[in-house]
Amino acid sequence: MDPAIEKALERQSALEAAKAAFFASGGQAQLIPTGVGKDSPGVVQAPKPAYGYRTIEAQKSKRGRVIGDEDRAALAAQLMECKAAGMTRYKASRHLEISETLCRRLIADFSLDFPASA
């Protein structure tokens, strides 16, 4: 017979004996002596590895940054300078390093005369 099968049968018979002793004692839990099982002095407890990506810090993005009123007014003035230089809205937003949405909002909020195609 295969040695692995014999070893498994020995463990199975030890388990059956432990179950029989448990039921014979009326189902009472018994104290397991020290040195048997996980609390053995020679057994080192390894910490569990983290599951998923919670240990990896997420990268910060520029989305949702807060722009103050003074900065918005300065950007609106710079937009008009870009218009005077002959830039389109798209080129102006790229030049000022702002999003096109912010560019459109600045034009609407400050009632700037900056047509979609200049």
N, C-alpha and C. Protein backbone atom coordinates (compact mmCIF):
# COMPACT_ATOMS: atom_id res chain seq x y z
N MET A 1 0.85 -1.18 0.00
CA MET A 1 0.00 0.00 0.00
C MET A 1 0.89 1.24 0.00
N ASP A 2 0.37 2.30 -0.56
CA ASP A 2 1.10 3.56 -0.65
C ASP A 2 1.33 4.15 0.75
N PRO A 3 2.54 4.66 1.04
CA PRO A 3 2.80 5.22 2.37
C PRO A 3 1.91 6.44 2.69
N ALA A 4 1.56 7.23 1.69
CA ALA A 4 0.70 8.38 1.94
C ALA A 4 -0.70 7.93 2.37
N ILE A 5 -1.17 6.86 1.77
CA ILE A 5 -2.49 6.33 2.14
C ILE A 5 -2.45 5.78 3.56
N GLU A 6 -1.36 5.07 3.91
CA GLU A 6 -1.23 4.52 5.26
C GLU A 6 -1.20 5.64 6.30
N LYS A 7 -0.49 6.72 5.98
CA LYS A 7 -0.40 7.85 6.91
C LYS A 7 -1.78 8.50 7.09
N ALA A 8 -2.52 8.64 5.99
CA ALA A 8 -3.86 9.22 6.06
C ALA A 8 -4.80 8.33 6.87
N LEU A 9 -4.66 7.01 6.72
CA LEU A 9 -5.50 6.09 7.50
C LEU A 9 -5.19 6.19 8.99
N GLU A 10 -3.90 6.38 9.34
CA GLU A 10 -3.53 6.53 10.75
C GLU A 10 -4.14 7.80 11.33
N ARG A 11 -4.08 8.90 10.55
CA ARG A 11 -4.69 10.15 11.03
C ARG A 11 -6.20 10.01 11.16
N GLN A 12 -6.81 9.30 10.23
CA GLN A 12 -8.25 9.10 10.28
C GLN A 12 -8.64 8.30 11.51
N SER A 13 -7.86 7.26 11.82
CA SER A 13 -8.17 6.45 13.00
C SER A 13 -7.97 7.26 14.28
N ALA A 14 -6.95 8.15 14.31
CA ALA A 14 -6.74 9.01 15.49
C ALA A 14 -7.90 9.98 15.64
N LEU A 15 -8.42 10.47 14.53
CA LEU A 15 -9.57 11.37 14.57
C LEU A 15 -10.81 10.64 15.07
N GLU A 16 -11.01 9.42 14.62
CA GLU A 16 -12.15 8.62 15.08
C GLU A 16 -12.05 8.36 16.58
N ALA A 17 -10.83 8.10 17.07
CA ALA A 17 -10.64 7.86 18.50
C ALA A 17 -10.94 9.13 19.30
N ALA A 18 -10.52 10.28 18.78
CA ALA A 18 -10.78 11.54 19.47
C ALA A 18 -12.27 11.85 19.49
N LYS A 19 -12.97 11.56 18.38
CA LYS A 19 -14.41 11.78 18.35
C LYS A 19 -15.12 10.86 19.34
N ALA A 20 -14.67 9.61 19.42
CA ALA A 20 -15.29 8.67 20.37
C ALA A 20 -15.08 9.12 21.80
N ALA A 21 -13.87 9.64 22.12
CA ALA A 21 -13.60 10.14 23.48
C ALA A 21 -14.45 11.36 23.78
N PHE A 22 -14.66 12.22 22.81
CA PHE A 22 -15.48 13.41 22.99
C PHE A 22 -16.92 13.04 23.31
N PHE A 23 -17.48 12.11 22.51
CA PHE A 23 -18.86 11.71 22.74
C PHE A 23 -19.01 10.89 24.01
N ALA A 24 -17.96 10.13 24.39
CA ALA A 24 -18.01 9.34 25.62
C ALA A 24 -18.01 10.23 26.86
N SER A 25 -17.40 11.42 26.76
CA SER A 25 -17.36 12.33 27.90
C SER A 25 -18.63 13.17 28.00
N GLY A 26 -19.59 12.89 27.16
CA GLY A 26 -20.86 13.61 27.21
C GLY A 26 -20.84 14.88 26.38
N GLY A 27 -19.90 15.01 25.47
CA GLY A 27 -19.84 16.19 24.61
C GLY A 27 -19.16 17.38 25.28
N GLN A 28 -18.40 17.13 26.34
CA GLN A 28 -17.70 18.21 27.05
C GLN A 28 -16.36 18.49 26.36
N ALA A 29 -16.03 19.78 26.22
CA ALA A 29 -14.74 20.15 25.65
C ALA A 29 -13.66 19.83 26.68
N GLN A 30 -12.57 19.30 26.22
CA GLN A 30 -11.48 18.94 27.12
C GLN A 30 -10.28 19.84 26.84
N LEU A 31 -9.47 20.04 27.86
CA LEU A 31 -8.29 20.87 27.75
C LEU A 31 -7.23 20.13 26.95
N ILE A 32 -6.74 20.79 25.92
CA ILE A 32 -5.67 20.19 25.12
C ILE A 32 -4.36 20.59 25.77
N PRO A 33 -3.48 19.62 26.05
CA PRO A 33 -2.23 19.95 26.74
C PRO A 33 -1.33 20.83 25.89
N THR A 34 -0.50 21.62 26.55
CA THR A 34 0.43 22.51 25.85
C THR A 34 1.44 21.67 25.09
N GLY A 35 1.85 22.17 23.94
CA GLY A 35 2.80 21.45 23.12
C GLY A 35 2.13 20.63 22.04
N VAL A 36 0.80 20.60 22.06
CA VAL A 36 0.07 19.88 21.04
C VAL A 36 -0.73 20.90 20.24
N GLY A 37 -0.50 20.93 18.95
CA GLY A 37 -1.27 21.83 18.10
C GLY A 37 -0.57 23.14 17.83
N LYS A 38 -1.38 24.19 17.63
CA LYS A 38 -0.84 25.48 17.20
C LYS A 38 -0.04 26.19 18.28
N ASP A 39 -0.34 25.96 19.55
CA ASP A 39 0.35 26.69 20.61
C ASP A 39 1.64 26.01 21.04
N SER A 40 2.15 25.12 20.23
CA SER A 40 3.42 24.45 20.54
C SER A 40 4.54 25.48 20.56
N PRO A 41 5.53 25.30 21.43
CA PRO A 41 6.61 26.27 21.51
C PRO A 41 7.42 26.36 20.22
N GLY A 42 7.54 25.30 19.46
CA GLY A 42 8.36 25.31 18.25
C GLY A 42 7.64 25.83 17.03
N VAL A 43 6.33 26.07 17.12
CA VAL A 43 5.56 26.51 15.97
C VAL A 43 5.56 28.04 15.93
N VAL A 44 5.98 28.60 14.78
CA VAL A 44 6.02 30.04 14.61
C VAL A 44 4.75 30.48 13.89
N GLN A 45 4.07 31.45 14.47
CA GLN A 45 2.85 31.97 13.87
C GLN A 45 3.21 32.99 12.80
N ALA A 46 2.90 32.69 11.55
CA ALA A 46 3.17 33.61 10.44
C ALA A 46 1.95 34.49 10.23
N PRO A 47 2.13 35.80 10.05
CA PRO A 47 0.97 36.67 9.82
C PRO A 47 0.32 36.35 8.47
N LYS A 48 -0.98 36.52 8.41
CA LYS A 48 -1.70 36.26 7.17
C LYS A 48 -1.36 37.34 6.16
N PRO A 49 -1.25 36.96 4.89
CA PRO A 49 -0.99 37.98 3.87
C PRO A 49 -2.24 38.82 3.65
N ALA A 50 -2.04 40.07 3.29
CA ALA A 50 -3.16 40.97 3.04
C ALA A 50 -3.90 40.53 1.79
N TYR A 51 -5.21 40.61 1.85
CA TYR A 51 -6.03 40.22 0.71
C TYR A 51 -6.31 41.44 -0.14
N GLY A 52 -6.11 41.35 -1.42
CA GLY A 52 -6.46 42.43 -2.33
C GLY A 52 -5.39 43.48 -2.43
N TYR A 53 -5.81 44.71 -2.66
CA TYR A 53 -4.88 45.79 -2.93
C TYR A 53 -4.87 46.84 -1.83
N ARG A 54 -5.32 46.52 -0.64
CA ARG A 54 -5.42 47.56 0.38
C ARG A 54 -4.06 48.03 0.87
N THR A 55 -2.99 47.29 0.62
CA THR A 55 -1.67 47.73 1.05
C THR A 55 -1.03 48.65 0.02
N ILE A 56 -1.61 48.73 -1.18
CA ILE A 56 -1.06 49.59 -2.22
C ILE A 56 -1.78 50.93 -2.14
N GLU A 57 -1.01 52.00 -2.01
CA GLU A 57 -1.62 53.32 -1.89
C GLU A 57 -2.07 53.81 -3.27
N ALA A 58 -3.24 54.35 -3.33
CA ALA A 58 -3.79 54.83 -4.60
C ALA A 58 -3.06 56.11 -5.02
N GLN A 59 -2.90 56.26 -6.33
CA GLN A 59 -2.25 57.45 -6.84
C GLN A 59 -3.20 58.64 -6.75
N LYS A 60 -2.65 59.78 -6.43
CA LYS A 60 -3.44 61.00 -6.33
C LYS A 60 -3.65 61.57 -7.73
N SER A 61 -4.83 62.05 -7.99
CA SER A 61 -5.13 62.62 -9.30
C SER A 61 -5.42 64.11 -9.14
N LYS A 62 -5.42 64.82 -10.25
CA LYS A 62 -5.70 66.25 -10.24
C LYS A 62 -7.20 66.53 -10.29
N ARG A 63 -8.01 65.50 -10.45
CA ARG A 63 -9.45 65.70 -10.57
C ARG A 63 -10.00 66.20 -9.24
N GLY A 64 -10.91 67.12 -9.33
CA GLY A 64 -11.59 67.61 -8.15
C GLY A 64 -10.78 68.63 -7.36
N ARG A 65 -9.74 69.20 -7.95
CA ARG A 65 -8.96 70.20 -7.22
C ARG A 65 -9.79 71.45 -7.05
N VAL A 66 -9.53 72.17 -5.99
CA VAL A 66 -10.32 73.35 -5.66
C VAL A 66 -9.59 74.58 -6.21
N ILE A 67 -10.33 75.38 -6.96
CA ILE A 67 -9.77 76.61 -7.52
C ILE A 67 -10.53 77.77 -6.90
N GLY A 68 -9.80 78.68 -6.28
CA GLY A 68 -10.40 79.83 -5.60
C GLY A 68 -10.91 80.87 -6.57
N ASP A 69 -11.66 81.86 -6.02
CA ASP A 69 -12.25 82.91 -6.85
C ASP A 69 -11.18 83.77 -7.52
N GLU A 70 -10.09 84.06 -6.78
CA GLU A 70 -9.02 84.88 -7.36
C GLU A 70 -8.34 84.14 -8.51
N ASP A 71 -8.14 82.84 -8.33
CA ASP A 71 -7.52 82.04 -9.39
C ASP A 71 -8.43 81.96 -10.62
N ARG A 72 -9.74 81.86 -10.38
CA ARG A 72 -10.69 81.80 -11.49
C ARG A 72 -10.67 83.12 -12.27
N ALA A 73 -10.58 84.24 -11.55
CA ALA A 73 -10.54 85.54 -12.21
C ALA A 73 -9.25 85.69 -13.01
N ALA A 74 -8.14 85.20 -12.46
CA ALA A 74 -6.87 85.27 -13.16
C ALA A 74 -6.90 84.40 -14.41
N LEU A 75 -7.51 83.21 -14.30
CA LEU A 75 -7.62 82.34 -15.47
C LEU A 75 -8.50 82.96 -16.55
N ALA A 76 -9.57 83.65 -16.13
CA ALA A 76 -10.44 84.31 -17.10
C ALA A 76 -9.68 85.40 -17.85
N ALA A 77 -8.84 86.15 -17.13
CA ALA A 77 -8.04 87.18 -17.78
C ALA A 77 -7.03 86.55 -18.75
N GLN A 78 -6.44 85.44 -18.36
CA GLN A 78 -5.49 84.75 -19.24
C GLN A 78 -6.20 84.19 -20.47
N LEU A 79 -7.46 83.76 -20.30
CA LEU A 79 -8.23 83.27 -21.45
C LEU A 79 -8.42 84.38 -22.48
N MET A 80 -8.71 85.58 -22.00
CA MET A 80 -8.91 86.69 -22.93
C MET A 80 -7.59 87.06 -23.63
N GLU A 81 -6.48 86.92 -22.92
CA GLU A 81 -5.18 87.15 -23.56
C GLU A 81 -4.93 86.11 -24.65
N CYS A 82 -5.33 84.85 -24.38
CA CYS A 82 -5.18 83.79 -25.39
C CYS A 82 -6.05 84.07 -26.60
N LYS A 83 -7.26 84.62 -26.36
CA LYS A 83 -8.15 84.96 -27.48
C LYS A 83 -7.52 86.06 -28.32
N ALA A 84 -6.91 87.05 -27.63
CA ALA A 84 -6.26 88.14 -28.35
C ALA A 84 -5.07 87.63 -29.18
N ALA A 85 -4.46 86.55 -28.71
CA ALA A 85 -3.33 85.97 -29.44
C ALA A 85 -3.81 85.11 -30.61
N GLY A 86 -5.14 84.89 -30.72
CA GLY A 86 -5.68 84.15 -31.85
C GLY A 86 -5.82 82.66 -31.60
N MET A 87 -5.82 82.25 -30.35
CA MET A 87 -5.96 80.83 -30.02
C MET A 87 -7.42 80.43 -29.99
N THR A 88 -7.66 79.15 -30.28
CA THR A 88 -9.01 78.61 -30.12
C THR A 88 -9.20 78.24 -28.65
N ARG A 89 -10.46 77.89 -28.29
CA ARG A 89 -10.73 77.48 -26.90
C ARG A 89 -9.88 76.28 -26.50
N TYR A 90 -9.79 75.33 -27.42
CA TYR A 90 -9.03 74.11 -27.13
C TYR A 90 -7.56 74.44 -26.89
N LYS A 91 -6.97 75.23 -27.79
CA LYS A 91 -5.56 75.59 -27.64
C LYS A 91 -5.33 76.42 -26.38
N ALA A 92 -6.28 77.29 -26.06
CA ALA A 92 -6.15 78.12 -24.86
C ALA A 92 -6.20 77.26 -23.60
N SER A 93 -7.10 76.28 -23.58
CA SER A 93 -7.19 75.41 -22.40
C SER A 93 -5.92 74.57 -22.24
N ARG A 94 -5.35 74.13 -23.35
CA ARG A 94 -4.09 73.37 -23.29
C ARG A 94 -2.93 74.28 -22.86
N HIS A 95 -2.95 75.52 -23.35
CA HIS A 95 -1.88 76.47 -23.01
C HIS A 95 -1.91 76.80 -21.52
N LEU A 96 -3.12 76.98 -20.97
CA LEU A 96 -3.27 77.31 -19.55
C LEU A 96 -3.24 76.07 -18.65
N GLU A 97 -3.20 74.90 -19.27
CA GLU A 97 -3.19 73.62 -18.55
C GLU A 97 -4.42 73.46 -17.66
N ILE A 98 -5.59 73.76 -18.25
CA ILE A 98 -6.86 73.54 -17.57
C ILE A 98 -7.70 72.66 -18.47
N SER A 99 -8.76 72.09 -17.90
CA SER A 99 -9.63 71.23 -18.70
C SER A 99 -10.54 72.09 -19.58
N GLU A 100 -11.05 71.46 -20.63
CA GLU A 100 -11.98 72.17 -21.51
C GLU A 100 -13.27 72.51 -20.77
N THR A 101 -13.67 71.66 -19.85
CA THR A 101 -14.88 71.92 -19.07
C THR A 101 -14.70 73.17 -18.21
N LEU A 102 -13.55 73.28 -17.56
CA LEU A 102 -13.28 74.48 -16.76
C LEU A 102 -13.22 75.71 -17.65
N CYS A 103 -12.66 75.56 -18.82
CA CYS A 103 -12.60 76.68 -19.77
C CYS A 103 -14.01 77.14 -20.13
N ARG A 104 -14.90 76.21 -20.45
CA ARG A 104 -16.28 76.56 -20.78
C ARG A 104 -16.99 77.20 -19.59
N ARG A 105 -16.74 76.70 -18.39
CA ARG A 105 -17.37 77.27 -17.20
C ARG A 105 -16.88 78.69 -16.94
N LEU A 106 -15.59 78.92 -17.13
CA LEU A 106 -15.06 80.27 -16.93
C LEU A 106 -15.68 81.24 -17.93
N ILE A 107 -15.81 80.80 -19.18
CA ILE A 107 -16.41 81.65 -20.20
C ILE A 107 -17.86 81.97 -19.84
N ALA A 108 -18.59 80.98 -19.34
CA ALA A 108 -20.00 81.20 -18.97
C ALA A 108 -20.11 82.05 -17.71
N ASP A 109 -19.29 81.77 -16.70
CA ASP A 109 -19.39 82.49 -15.42
C ASP A 109 -19.01 83.96 -15.55
N PHE A 110 -17.97 84.24 -16.33
CA PHE A 110 -17.50 85.62 -16.47
C PHE A 110 -18.06 86.31 -17.72
N SER A 111 -18.97 85.65 -18.42
CA SER A 111 -19.62 86.19 -19.63
C SER A 111 -18.58 86.72 -20.63
N LEU A 112 -17.60 85.89 -20.91
CA LEU A 112 -16.53 86.28 -21.82
C LEU A 112 -17.00 86.09 -23.27
N ASP A 113 -16.50 86.95 -24.13
CA ASP A 113 -16.81 86.84 -25.56
C ASP A 113 -15.73 85.99 -26.20
N PHE A 114 -15.91 84.69 -26.10
CA PHE A 114 -14.91 83.75 -26.63
C PHE A 114 -15.69 82.69 -27.41
N PRO A 115 -15.93 82.90 -28.71
CA PRO A 115 -16.73 81.94 -29.47
C PRO A 115 -16.02 80.59 -29.58
N ALA A 116 -16.79 79.57 -29.91
CA ALA A 116 -16.23 78.22 -30.00
C ALA A 116 -15.18 78.13 -31.09
N SER A 117 -15.35 78.84 -32.19
CA SER A 117 -14.31 78.85 -33.23
C SER A 117 -13.94 80.30 -33.50
N ALA A 118 -12.70 80.63 -33.21
CA ALA A 118 -12.27 82.04 -33.35
C ALA A 118 -11.58 82.27 -34.68
